[in-house]
Amino acid sequence: AKPRAVLLDAVRHRTPARNGQSRRGPLLLVAGGKDELISEASIALLHRDYRRHQPDAVTDYQVFPGMDHTLGLGTQGVVVLFYCLDWLTAQNM
């Protein structure tokens, strides 16, 4: 429930951008280097598209080499979770 509340809060507090478009909140795209379901390359392309369409919005991309699709699970998942928490803190969220 808490992650959902954070995401909903970020969406609700979008600030208006120029040209009458709404500016989205910060976005972190995360990929596992060994993910067989969603490739690292497809996340990189998604990151590029977001950056191109809204260059002023915060859009970050992080790859965790050696990790698969279950990034936040298991012993190694703690690294991913702490990275995401640090990123959220840096975005004042």
C-alpha atoms as a PDB file:
ATOM      1  CA  ALA A   1       0.000   0.000   0.000  1.00  0.00           C
ATOM      2  CA  LYS A   2       2.820   2.458   0.761  1.00  0.00           C
ATOM      3  CA  PRO A   3       4.493   2.319  -2.699  1.00  0.00           C
ATOM      4  CA  ARG A   4       1.093   2.872  -4.274  1.00  0.00           C
ATOM      5  CA  ALA A   5       0.544   5.947  -2.098  1.00  0.00           C
ATOM      6  CA  VAL A   6       3.927   7.372  -3.148  1.00  0.00           C
ATOM      7  CA  LEU A   7       3.142   6.867  -6.831  1.00  0.00           C
ATOM      8  CA  LEU A   8      -0.344   8.332  -6.543  1.00  0.00           C
ATOM      9  CA  ASP A   9       1.041  11.332  -4.680  1.00  0.00           C
ATOM     10  CA  ALA A  10       3.627  11.903  -7.434  1.00  0.00           C
ATOM     11  CA  VAL A  11       0.961  11.758 -10.140  1.00  0.00           C
ATOM     12  CA  ARG A  12      -1.383  14.105  -8.298  1.00  0.00           C
ATOM     13  CA  HIS A  13       1.300  16.741  -7.775  1.00  0.00           C
ATOM     14  CA  ARG A  14       2.365  17.167 -11.380  1.00  0.00           C
ATOM     15  CA  THR A  15       3.204  20.747 -12.166  1.00  0.00           C
ATOM     16  CA  PRO A  16       1.997  22.473 -15.323  1.00  0.00           C
ATOM     17  CA  ALA A  17       4.634  22.749 -18.021  1.00  0.00           C
ATOM     18  CA  ARG A  18       4.897  25.184 -20.878  1.00  0.00           C
ATOM     19  CA  ASN A  19       2.508  24.939 -23.835  1.00  0.00           C
ATOM     20  CA  GLY A  20      -0.367  23.883 -21.583  1.00  0.00           C
ATOM     21  CA  GLN A  21       0.906  20.302 -21.193  1.00  0.00           C
ATOM     22  CA  SER A  22       1.114  18.679 -17.786  1.00  0.00           C
ATOM     23  CA  ARG A  23       4.571  17.765 -16.604  1.00  0.00           C
ATOM     24  CA  ARG A  24       4.918  14.333 -15.072  1.00  0.00           C
ATOM     25  CA  GLY A  25       6.752  13.548 -11.874  1.00  0.00           C
ATOM     26  CA  PRO A  26      10.217  11.989 -11.675  1.00  0.00           C
ATOM     27  CA  LEU A  27      10.631   8.628 -13.383  1.00  0.00           C
ATOM     28  CA  LEU A  28      13.156   5.897 -12.578  1.00  0.00           C
ATOM     29  CA  LEU A  29      13.481   3.057 -15.069  1.00  0.00           C
ATOM     30  CA  VAL A  30      15.299   0.002 -13.709  1.00  0.00           C
ATOM     31  CA  ALA A  31      16.548  -3.013 -15.648  1.00  0.00           C
ATOM     32  CA  GLY A  32      18.244  -6.274 -14.805  1.00  0.00           C
ATOM     33  CA  GLY A  33      21.243  -7.142 -16.943  1.00  0.00           C
ATOM     34  CA  LYS A  34      20.107 -10.782 -17.197  1.00  0.00           C
ATOM     35  CA  ASP A  35      16.377 -10.116 -17.569  1.00  0.00           C
ATOM     36  CA  GLU A  36      14.953 -12.509 -20.153  1.00  0.00           C
ATOM     37  CA  LEU A  37      11.392 -11.112 -20.052  1.00  0.00           C
ATOM     38  CA  ILE A  38      12.122  -7.443 -20.725  1.00  0.00           C
ATOM     39  CA  SER A  39      15.499  -6.784 -22.275  1.00  0.00           C
ATOM     40  CA  GLU A  40      17.860  -4.098 -21.083  1.00  0.00           C
ATOM     41  CA  ALA A  41      17.854  -2.659 -24.612  1.00  0.00           C
ATOM     42  CA  SER A  42      14.077  -2.153 -24.593  1.00  0.00           C
ATOM     43  CA  ILE A  43      14.261  -0.259 -21.283  1.00  0.00           C
ATOM     44  CA  ALA A  44      17.084   1.866 -22.710  1.00  0.00           C
ATOM     45  CA  LEU A  45      14.886   2.741 -25.713  1.00  0.00           C
ATOM     46  CA  LEU A  46      11.993   3.594 -23.400  1.00  0.00           C
ATOM     47  CA  HIS A  47      14.320   5.853 -21.396  1.00  0.00           C
ATOM     48  CA  ARG A  48      15.447   7.605 -24.577  1.00  0.00           C
ATOM     49  CA  ASP A  49      11.838   8.167 -25.677  1.00  0.00           C
ATOM     50  CA  TYR A  50      10.830   9.650 -22.319  1.00  0.00           C
ATOM     51  CA  ARG A  51      13.888  11.937 -22.361  1.00  0.00           C
ATOM     52  CA  ARG A  52      13.160  13.054 -25.906  1.00  0.00           C
ATOM     53  CA  HIS A  53       9.487  13.875 -25.265  1.00  0.00           C
ATOM     54  CA  GLN A  54      10.012  15.668 -21.938  1.00  0.00           C
ATOM     55  CA  PRO A  55      13.658  16.737 -21.687  1.00  0.00           C
ATOM     56  CA  ASP A  56      13.029  18.966 -18.644  1.00  0.00           C
ATOM     57  CA  ALA A  57      11.451  16.187 -16.551  1.00  0.00           C
ATOM     58  CA  VAL A  58      13.599  13.968 -14.345  1.00  0.00           C
ATOM     59  CA  THR A  59      14.039  10.626 -16.104  1.00  0.00           C
ATOM     60  CA  ASP A  60      16.724   8.280 -14.805  1.00  0.00           C
ATOM     61  CA  TYR A  61      17.804   4.830 -15.880  1.00  0.00           C
ATOM     62  CA  GLN A  62      19.693   2.233 -13.862  1.00  0.00           C
ATOM     63  CA  VAL A  63      20.885  -1.227 -14.888  1.00  0.00           C
ATOM     64  CA  PHE A  64      21.728  -3.870 -12.324  1.00  0.00           C
ATOM     65  CA  PRO A  65      24.099  -6.292 -14.085  1.00  0.00           C
ATOM     66  CA  GLY A  66      23.740  -9.919 -13.152  1.00  0.00           C
ATOM     67  CA  MET A  67      20.127  -9.541 -11.997  1.00  0.00           C
ATOM     68  CA  ASP A  68      17.069 -10.973 -13.687  1.00  0.00           C
ATOM     69  CA  HIS A  69      13.425  -9.855 -13.855  1.00  0.00           C
ATOM     70  CA  THR A  70      12.899 -10.335 -10.103  1.00  0.00           C
ATOM     71  CA  LEU A  71      15.050  -7.339  -9.172  1.00  0.00           C
ATOM     72  CA  GLY A  72      13.639  -6.664  -5.717  1.00  0.00           C
ATOM     73  CA  LEU A  73      13.500 -10.269  -4.521  1.00  0.00           C
ATOM     74  CA  GLY A  74      16.125 -12.347  -2.795  1.00  0.00           C
ATOM     75  CA  THR A  75      19.352 -11.359  -1.081  1.00  0.00           C
ATOM     76  CA  GLN A  76      20.623  -9.187  -3.943  1.00  0.00           C
ATOM     77  CA  GLY A  77      17.290  -7.392  -4.113  1.00  0.00           C
ATOM     78  CA  VAL A  78      18.267  -5.314  -1.085  1.00  0.00           C
ATOM     79  CA  VAL A  79      20.766  -3.443  -3.288  1.00  0.00           C
ATOM     80  CA  VAL A  80      17.993  -2.553  -5.737  1.00  0.00           C
ATOM     81  CA  LEU A  81      15.589  -1.522  -3.007  1.00  0.00           C
ATOM     82  CA  PHE A  82      18.132   0.738  -1.291  1.00  0.00           C
ATOM     83  CA  TYR A  83      19.042   2.293  -4.658  1.00  0.00           C
ATOM     84  CA  CYS A  84      15.366   3.080  -5.290  1.00  0.00           C
ATOM     85  CA  LEU A  85      14.897   4.509  -1.790  1.00  0.00           C
ATOM     86  CA  ASP A  86      17.987   6.704  -2.211  1.00  0.00           C
ATOM     87  CA  TRP A  87      16.686   7.868  -5.594  1.00  0.00           C
ATOM     88  CA  LEU A  88      13.273   8.708  -4.129  1.00  0.00           C
ATOM     89  CA  THR A  89      14.944  10.643  -1.328  1.00  0.00           C
ATOM     90  CA  ALA A  90      17.018  12.582  -3.856  1.00  0.00           C
ATOM     91  CA  GLN A  91      13.756  13.513  -5.634  1.00  0.00           C
ATOM     92  CA  ASN A  92      12.256  14.754  -2.344  1.00  0.00           C
ATOM     93  CA  MET A  93       9.626  12.019  -2.391  1.00  0.00           C
END
